[in-house]
C-alpha cells in the first residue's frame, strides 16, 4: 500500500467487505480521508493521448530493446508526441521495460595455468602479504612464507612496511636455512622460479 491508488482500493475493500466506516478504514491503513475521496480530473482527450503515447512507446521499445526511457522519449518527440520525460519514465516502469544492468566482468590479466600438487617438502613455497590494524590505529603488514607440502610456516615477517629489499633478505635467509625451492607461488595463483635477484630491481 505505497501508492494512493492502492490505498484507496484497500479502503474500499474494507468498507464493502467488513461494513466499516470510511473513517475507521482510513485509520486502519493509515490513509487520509481526503486521499480516499479524491477523484482524478483527467479529460477524455488527455487519457486518449496518454494511451497513444504508451502504445507507440511499446512499439518503439519492441523494435529497439536496448533503448532506455530517455532515448525513447527523444524518438517520441521527433514523431510529434507530447513526450514529457516524467510521463515516459512512469509508462516505462509500468511496462516493465527497465533494462537490467550488466555487471562489469573482471578478466584475469594473464592466462592461468593449473597448479600441480607438490609431492615432497621444499618443492613449492607459498608467499603472501597480510595486513591488519593495531588497537591504537597503526597499520602493519606481515609476509608469510609456507611450505605447501608440509604446511610448515617458514617465516612470518612483521613490520609497518615491507619493501622489495626486505622480501629478498627474508627469502635469501630461508634459502640458506632450508634450501632453495623449485617454485614460489604468489597470491595470484601463478608460480615462478625463485630468481631472488630480480626482486632487487
C-alpha atoms as a PDB file:
ATOM      1  CA  UNK A   1       0.000   0.000   0.000  1.00  0.00           C
ATOM      2  CA  UNK A   2       2.576   2.523  -1.114  1.00  0.00           C
ATOM      3  CA  UNK A   3       0.704   4.487  -3.767  1.00  0.00           C
ATOM      4  CA  UNK A   4      -2.532   6.414  -3.098  1.00  0.00           C
ATOM      5  CA  UNK A   5      -4.382   4.334  -5.681  1.00  0.00           C
ATOM      6  CA  UNK A   6      -3.621   1.100  -3.850  1.00  0.00           C
ATOM      7  CA  UNK A   7      -4.596   2.717  -0.554  1.00  0.00           C
ATOM      8  CA  UNK A   8      -7.961   3.751  -1.990  1.00  0.00           C
ATOM      9  CA  UNK A   9      -8.544   0.208  -3.237  1.00  0.00           C
ATOM     10  CA  UNK A  10      -7.807  -1.251   0.196  1.00  0.00           C
ATOM     11  CA  UNK A  11     -10.030   1.270   1.965  1.00  0.00           C
ATOM     12  CA  UNK A  12     -12.870   0.485  -0.447  1.00  0.00           C
ATOM     13  CA  UNK A  13     -12.356  -3.217   0.168  1.00  0.00           C
ATOM     14  CA  UNK A  14     -12.655  -2.707   3.929  1.00  0.00           C
ATOM     15  CA  UNK A  15     -15.805  -0.603   3.673  1.00  0.00           C
ATOM     16  CA  UNK A  16     -17.573  -3.010   1.305  1.00  0.00           C
ATOM     17  CA  UNK A  17     -16.421  -6.344   2.754  1.00  0.00           C
ATOM     18  CA  UNK A  18     -16.386  -5.655   6.502  1.00  0.00           C
ATOM     19  CA  UNK A  19     -19.013  -2.893   6.510  1.00  0.00           C
ATOM     20  CA  UNK A  20     -16.828  -0.389   8.378  1.00  0.00           C
ATOM     21  CA  UNK A  21     -16.945   3.354   8.018  1.00  0.00           C
ATOM     22  CA  UNK A  22     -14.539   5.310   5.830  1.00  0.00           C
ATOM     23  CA  UNK A  23     -13.067   6.972   8.913  1.00  0.00           C
ATOM     24  CA  UNK A  24     -12.205   3.629  10.514  1.00  0.00           C
ATOM     25  CA  UNK A  25     -10.902   2.136   7.263  1.00  0.00           C
ATOM     26  CA  UNK A  26      -8.583   5.118   6.737  1.00  0.00           C
ATOM     27  CA  UNK A  27      -7.364   4.861  10.338  1.00  0.00           C
ATOM     28  CA  UNK A  28      -6.560   1.152   9.930  1.00  0.00           C
ATOM     29  CA  UNK A  29      -4.462   1.509   6.779  1.00  0.00           C
ATOM     30  CA  UNK A  30      -3.070   4.969   7.598  1.00  0.00           C
ATOM     31  CA  UNK A  31      -4.729   6.798   4.711  1.00  0.00           C
ATOM     32  CA  UNK A  32      -6.070  10.335   4.674  1.00  0.00           C
ATOM     33  CA  UNK A  33      -9.823  10.683   4.100  1.00  0.00           C
ATOM     34  CA  UNK A  34      -9.117  13.417   1.564  1.00  0.00           C
ATOM     35  CA  UNK A  35      -6.965  10.984  -0.394  1.00  0.00           C
ATOM     36  CA  UNK A  36      -9.714   8.385  -0.257  1.00  0.00           C
ATOM     37  CA  UNK A  37     -12.341  10.789  -1.601  1.00  0.00           C
ATOM     38  CA  UNK A  38     -10.098  12.268  -4.283  1.00  0.00           C
ATOM     39  CA  UNK A  39     -11.145  11.629  -7.857  1.00  0.00           C
ATOM     40  CA  UNK A  40      -8.747  12.430 -10.695  1.00  0.00           C
ATOM     41  CA  UNK A  41      -9.920  15.134 -13.092  1.00  0.00           C
ATOM     42  CA  UNK A  42      -8.445  13.815 -16.320  1.00  0.00           C
ATOM     43  CA  UNK A  43     -10.174  14.702 -19.539  1.00  0.00           C
ATOM     44  CA  UNK A  44     -11.037  12.090 -22.113  1.00  0.00           C
ATOM     45  CA  UNK A  45      -8.653  13.691 -24.590  1.00  0.00           C
ATOM     46  CA  UNK A  46      -5.782  13.515 -22.135  1.00  0.00           C
ATOM     47  CA  UNK A  47      -6.486   9.864 -21.399  1.00  0.00           C
ATOM     48  CA  UNK A  48      -6.561   9.059 -25.106  1.00  0.00           C
ATOM     49  CA  UNK A  49      -3.290  10.920 -25.656  1.00  0.00           C
ATOM     50  CA  UNK A  50      -1.620   9.015 -22.846  1.00  0.00           C
ATOM     51  CA  UNK A  51      -2.888   5.757 -24.303  1.00  0.00           C
ATOM     52  CA  UNK A  52      -1.491   6.603 -27.744  1.00  0.00           C
ATOM     53  CA  UNK A  53       1.868   7.603 -26.266  1.00  0.00           C
ATOM     54  CA  UNK A  54       2.070   4.369 -24.273  1.00  0.00           C
ATOM     55  CA  UNK A  55       1.156   2.251 -27.304  1.00  0.00           C
ATOM     56  CA  UNK A  56       3.746   3.954 -29.501  1.00  0.00           C
ATOM     57  CA  UNK A  57       6.394   3.701 -26.793  1.00  0.00           C
ATOM     58  CA  UNK A  58       5.771  -0.048 -26.516  1.00  0.00           C
ATOM     59  CA  UNK A  59       6.180  -0.378 -30.289  1.00  0.00           C
ATOM     60  CA  UNK A  60       9.475   1.520 -30.243  1.00  0.00           C
ATOM     61  CA  UNK A  61      10.691  -0.481 -27.240  1.00  0.00           C
ATOM     62  CA  UNK A  62       9.922  -3.721 -29.085  1.00  0.00           C
ATOM     63  CA  UNK A  63      11.923  -2.580 -32.125  1.00  0.00           C
ATOM     64  CA  UNK A  64      14.817  -1.225 -30.040  1.00  0.00           C
ATOM     65  CA  UNK A  65      15.003  -3.334 -26.860  1.00  0.00           C
ATOM     66  CA  UNK A  66      18.335  -1.776 -25.820  1.00  0.00           C
ATOM     67  CA  UNK A  67      16.937   1.754 -25.663  1.00  0.00           C
ATOM     68  CA  UNK A  68      16.200   3.298 -22.284  1.00  0.00           C
ATOM     69  CA  UNK A  69      13.364   5.673 -21.488  1.00  0.00           C
ATOM     70  CA  UNK A  70      15.432   8.761 -22.324  1.00  0.00           C
ATOM     71  CA  UNK A  71      16.170   7.635 -25.865  1.00  0.00           C
ATOM     72  CA  UNK A  72      12.576   6.505 -26.318  1.00  0.00           C
ATOM     73  CA  UNK A  73      11.428   9.971 -25.226  1.00  0.00           C
ATOM     74  CA  UNK A  74      13.653  11.527 -27.889  1.00  0.00           C
ATOM     75  CA  UNK A  75      12.126   9.297 -30.570  1.00  0.00           C
ATOM     76  CA  UNK A  76       8.591  10.134 -29.438  1.00  0.00           C
ATOM     77  CA  UNK A  77       9.334  13.875 -29.506  1.00  0.00           C
ATOM     78  CA  UNK A  78      10.636  13.556 -33.062  1.00  0.00           C
ATOM     79  CA  UNK A  79       7.339  11.952 -34.076  1.00  0.00           C
ATOM     80  CA  UNK A  80       5.317  14.765 -32.512  1.00  0.00           C
ATOM     81  CA  UNK A  81       4.055  13.043 -29.363  1.00  0.00           C
ATOM     82  CA  UNK A  82       3.803  15.070 -26.114  1.00  0.00           C
ATOM     83  CA  UNK A  83       6.641  13.057 -24.565  1.00  0.00           C
ATOM     84  CA  UNK A  84       7.295  14.557 -21.155  1.00  0.00           C
ATOM     85  CA  UNK A  85      10.239  12.685 -19.660  1.00  0.00           C
ATOM     86  CA  UNK A  86       8.386  12.080 -16.368  1.00  0.00           C
ATOM     87  CA  UNK A  87       5.420  10.576 -18.199  1.00  0.00           C
ATOM     88  CA  UNK A  88       7.696   8.401 -20.322  1.00  0.00           C
ATOM     89  CA  UNK A  89       9.532   7.202 -17.239  1.00  0.00           C
ATOM     90  CA  UNK A  90       6.237   6.322 -15.498  1.00  0.00           C
ATOM     91  CA  UNK A  91       4.968   4.389 -18.510  1.00  0.00           C
ATOM     92  CA  UNK A  92       8.384   2.808 -18.935  1.00  0.00           C
ATOM     93  CA  UNK A  93       8.297   1.469 -15.369  1.00  0.00           C
ATOM     94  CA  UNK A  94       4.683   0.337 -15.636  1.00  0.00           C
ATOM     95  CA  UNK A  95       5.506  -1.676 -18.747  1.00  0.00           C
ATOM     96  CA  UNK A  96       8.456  -3.413 -17.012  1.00  0.00           C
ATOM     97  CA  UNK A  97      10.786  -2.223 -19.756  1.00  0.00           C
ATOM     98  CA  UNK A  98      13.697  -1.339 -17.471  1.00  0.00           C
ATOM     99  CA  UNK A  99      16.980  -2.743 -18.727  1.00  0.00           C
ATOM    100  CA  UNK A 100      18.979  -4.977 -16.466  1.00  0.00           C
ATOM    101  CA  UNK A 101      22.367  -3.542 -15.659  1.00  0.00           C
ATOM    102  CA  UNK A 102      25.233  -5.791 -16.539  1.00  0.00           C
ATOM    103  CA  UNK A 103      27.978  -6.207 -14.009  1.00  0.00           C
ATOM    104  CA  UNK A 104      31.496  -5.475 -15.064  1.00  0.00           C
ATOM    105  CA  UNK A 105      33.441  -8.598 -15.810  1.00  0.00           C
ATOM    106  CA  UNK A 106      36.803  -8.910 -14.143  1.00  0.00           C
ATOM    107  CA  UNK A 107      39.190 -10.552 -16.538  1.00  0.00           C
ATOM    108  CA  UNK A 108      42.445 -12.122 -15.492  1.00  0.00           C
ATOM    109  CA  UNK A 109      45.468 -10.091 -16.522  1.00  0.00           C
ATOM    110  CA  UNK A 110      47.352 -13.237 -17.522  1.00  0.00           C
ATOM    111  CA  UNK A 111      46.331 -16.712 -18.512  1.00  0.00           C
ATOM    112  CA  UNK A 112      46.055 -19.029 -15.522  1.00  0.00           C
ATOM    113  CA  UNK A 113      47.732 -22.406 -15.515  1.00  0.00           C
ATOM    114  CA  UNK A 114      46.593 -25.414 -13.488  1.00  0.00           C
ATOM    115  CA  UNK A 115      48.586 -25.829 -10.312  1.00  0.00           C
ATOM    116  CA  UNK A 116      50.323 -29.127  -9.693  1.00  0.00           C
ATOM    117  CA  UNK A 117      50.345 -30.526  -6.187  1.00  0.00           C
ATOM    118  CA  UNK A 118      53.815 -30.900  -4.669  1.00  0.00           C
ATOM    119  CA  UNK A 119      54.977 -34.395  -3.744  1.00  0.00           C
ATOM    120  CA  UNK A 120      57.830 -33.503  -1.424  1.00  0.00           C
ATOM    121  CA  UNK A 121      58.949 -30.874   1.007  1.00  0.00           C
ATOM    122  CA  UNK A 122      60.716 -27.738  -0.192  1.00  0.00           C
ATOM    123  CA  UNK A 123      59.242 -28.127  -3.669  1.00  0.00           C
ATOM    124  CA  UNK A 124      56.727 -25.256  -3.632  1.00  0.00           C
ATOM    125  CA  UNK A 125      56.562 -22.310  -1.265  1.00  0.00           C
ATOM    126  CA  UNK A 126      53.523 -20.078  -0.951  1.00  0.00           C
ATOM    127  CA  UNK A 127      54.161 -16.392  -0.235  1.00  0.00           C
ATOM    128  CA  UNK A 128      51.567 -13.751   0.587  1.00  0.00           C
ATOM    129  CA  UNK A 129      51.088 -10.462   2.431  1.00  0.00           C
ATOM    130  CA  UNK A 130      48.516  -9.885   5.177  1.00  0.00           C
ATOM    131  CA  UNK A 131      47.689  -6.519   6.722  1.00  0.00           C
ATOM    132  CA  UNK A 132      45.839  -5.521   9.890  1.00  0.00           C
ATOM    133  CA  UNK A 133      45.446  -2.651  12.339  1.00  0.00           C
ATOM    134  CA  UNK A 134      46.590  -2.344  15.949  1.00  0.00           C
ATOM    135  CA  UNK A 135      44.376  -1.139  18.788  1.00  0.00           C
ATOM    136  CA  UNK A 136      45.820   2.375  18.517  1.00  0.00           C
ATOM    137  CA  UNK A 137      45.024   2.588  14.802  1.00  0.00           C
ATOM    138  CA  UNK A 138      48.503   1.892  13.440  1.00  0.00           C
ATOM    139  CA  UNK A 139      48.642  -0.437  10.461  1.00  0.00           C
ATOM    140  CA  UNK A 140      51.100  -3.281   9.992  1.00  0.00           C
ATOM    141  CA  UNK A 141      51.834  -5.935   7.388  1.00  0.00           C
ATOM    142  CA  UNK A 142      53.086  -9.493   7.594  1.00  0.00           C
ATOM    143  CA  UNK A 143      54.948 -11.520   4.992  1.00  0.00           C
ATOM    144  CA  UNK A 144      54.036 -15.199   5.303  1.00  0.00           C
ATOM    145  CA  UNK A 145      56.022 -17.968   3.625  1.00  0.00           C
ATOM    146  CA  UNK A 146      54.588 -21.506   3.867  1.00  0.00           C
ATOM    147  CA  UNK A 147      55.774 -24.839   2.512  1.00  0.00           C
ATOM    148  CA  UNK A 148      52.784 -26.098   0.519  1.00  0.00           C
ATOM    149  CA  UNK A 149      53.561 -29.793   1.029  1.00  0.00           C
ATOM    150  CA  UNK A 150      54.344 -29.885   4.752  1.00  0.00           C
ATOM    151  CA  UNK A 151      52.127 -26.858   5.665  1.00  0.00           C
ATOM    152  CA  UNK A 152      55.055 -25.583   7.714  1.00  0.00           C
ATOM    153  CA  UNK A 153      55.301 -21.824   8.094  1.00  0.00           C
ATOM    154  CA  UNK A 154      58.840 -20.967   7.080  1.00  0.00           C
ATOM    155  CA  UNK A 155      58.705 -17.301   8.107  1.00  0.00           C
ATOM    156  CA  UNK A 156      56.407 -14.531   9.304  1.00  0.00           C
ATOM    157  CA  UNK A 157      57.993 -11.130   8.799  1.00  0.00           C
ATOM    158  CA  UNK A 158      56.134  -8.302  10.545  1.00  0.00           C
ATOM    159  CA  UNK A 159      56.661  -4.569  10.062  1.00  0.00           C
ATOM    160  CA  UNK A 160      54.829  -1.379   9.223  1.00  0.00           C
ATOM    161  CA  UNK A 161      56.219  -1.551   5.686  1.00  0.00           C
ATOM    162  CA  UNK A 162      57.805  -4.425   3.785  1.00  0.00           C
ATOM    163  CA  UNK A 163      59.665  -3.394   0.661  1.00  0.00           C
ATOM    164  CA  UNK A 164      61.258  -5.469  -2.056  1.00  0.00           C
ATOM    165  CA  UNK A 165      64.732  -5.499  -0.465  1.00  0.00           C
ATOM    166  CA  UNK A 166      63.231  -6.753   2.798  1.00  0.00           C
ATOM    167  CA  UNK A 167      61.446  -9.564   0.968  1.00  0.00           C
ATOM    168  CA  UNK A 168      64.664 -10.565  -0.782  1.00  0.00           C
ATOM    169  CA  UNK A 169      66.542 -10.711   2.520  1.00  0.00           C
ATOM    170  CA  UNK A 170      63.868 -12.954   4.045  1.00  0.00           C
ATOM    171  CA  UNK A 171      63.861 -15.320   1.068  1.00  0.00           C
ATOM    172  CA  UNK A 172      67.643 -15.478   0.941  1.00  0.00           C
ATOM    173  CA  UNK A 173      67.763 -16.324   4.651  1.00  0.00           C
ATOM    174  CA  UNK A 174      65.179 -19.071   4.150  1.00  0.00           C
ATOM    175  CA  UNK A 175      67.111 -20.482   1.200  1.00  0.00           C
ATOM    176  CA  UNK A 176      70.259 -20.679   3.349  1.00  0.00           C
ATOM    177  CA  UNK A 177      68.374 -22.414   6.160  1.00  0.00           C
ATOM    178  CA  UNK A 178      66.100 -24.796   4.229  1.00  0.00           C
ATOM    179  CA  UNK A 179      67.442 -24.846   0.699  1.00  0.00           C
ATOM    180  CA  UNK A 180      66.115 -23.231  -2.470  1.00  0.00           C
ATOM    181  CA  UNK A 181      62.579 -24.296  -3.503  1.00  0.00           C
ATOM    182  CA  UNK A 182      61.738 -25.272  -7.058  1.00  0.00           C
ATOM    183  CA  UNK A 183      58.913 -22.736  -7.285  1.00  0.00           C
ATOM    184  CA  UNK A 184      57.363 -19.894  -5.311  1.00  0.00           C
ATOM    185  CA  UNK A 185      53.586 -19.500  -5.517  1.00  0.00           C
ATOM    186  CA  UNK A 186      52.205 -15.965  -5.238  1.00  0.00           C
ATOM    187  CA  UNK A 187      48.723 -14.861  -4.192  1.00  0.00           C
ATOM    188  CA  UNK A 188      47.505 -14.692  -7.824  1.00  0.00           C
ATOM    189  CA  UNK A 189      47.901 -18.440  -8.206  1.00  0.00           C
ATOM    190  CA  UNK A 190      50.871 -18.300 -10.574  1.00  0.00           C
ATOM    191  CA  UNK A 191      54.175 -19.975  -9.978  1.00  0.00           C
ATOM    192  CA  UNK A 192      57.595 -18.668 -10.814  1.00  0.00           C
ATOM    193  CA  UNK A 193      61.164 -19.812 -10.268  1.00  0.00           C
ATOM    194  CA  UNK A 194      62.831 -18.222  -7.230  1.00  0.00           C
ATOM    195  CA  UNK A 195      65.067 -15.703  -9.013  1.00  0.00           C
ATOM    196  CA  UNK A 196      65.530 -13.512  -5.999  1.00  0.00           C
ATOM    197  CA  UNK A 197      67.887 -11.096  -7.699  1.00  0.00           C
ATOM    198  CA  UNK A 198      65.044  -9.779  -9.866  1.00  0.00           C
ATOM    199  CA  UNK A 199      63.221  -8.511  -6.779  1.00  0.00           C
ATOM    200  CA  UNK A 200      66.004  -6.045  -6.056  1.00  0.00           C
ATOM    201  CA  UNK A 201      65.244  -4.058  -9.213  1.00  0.00           C
END
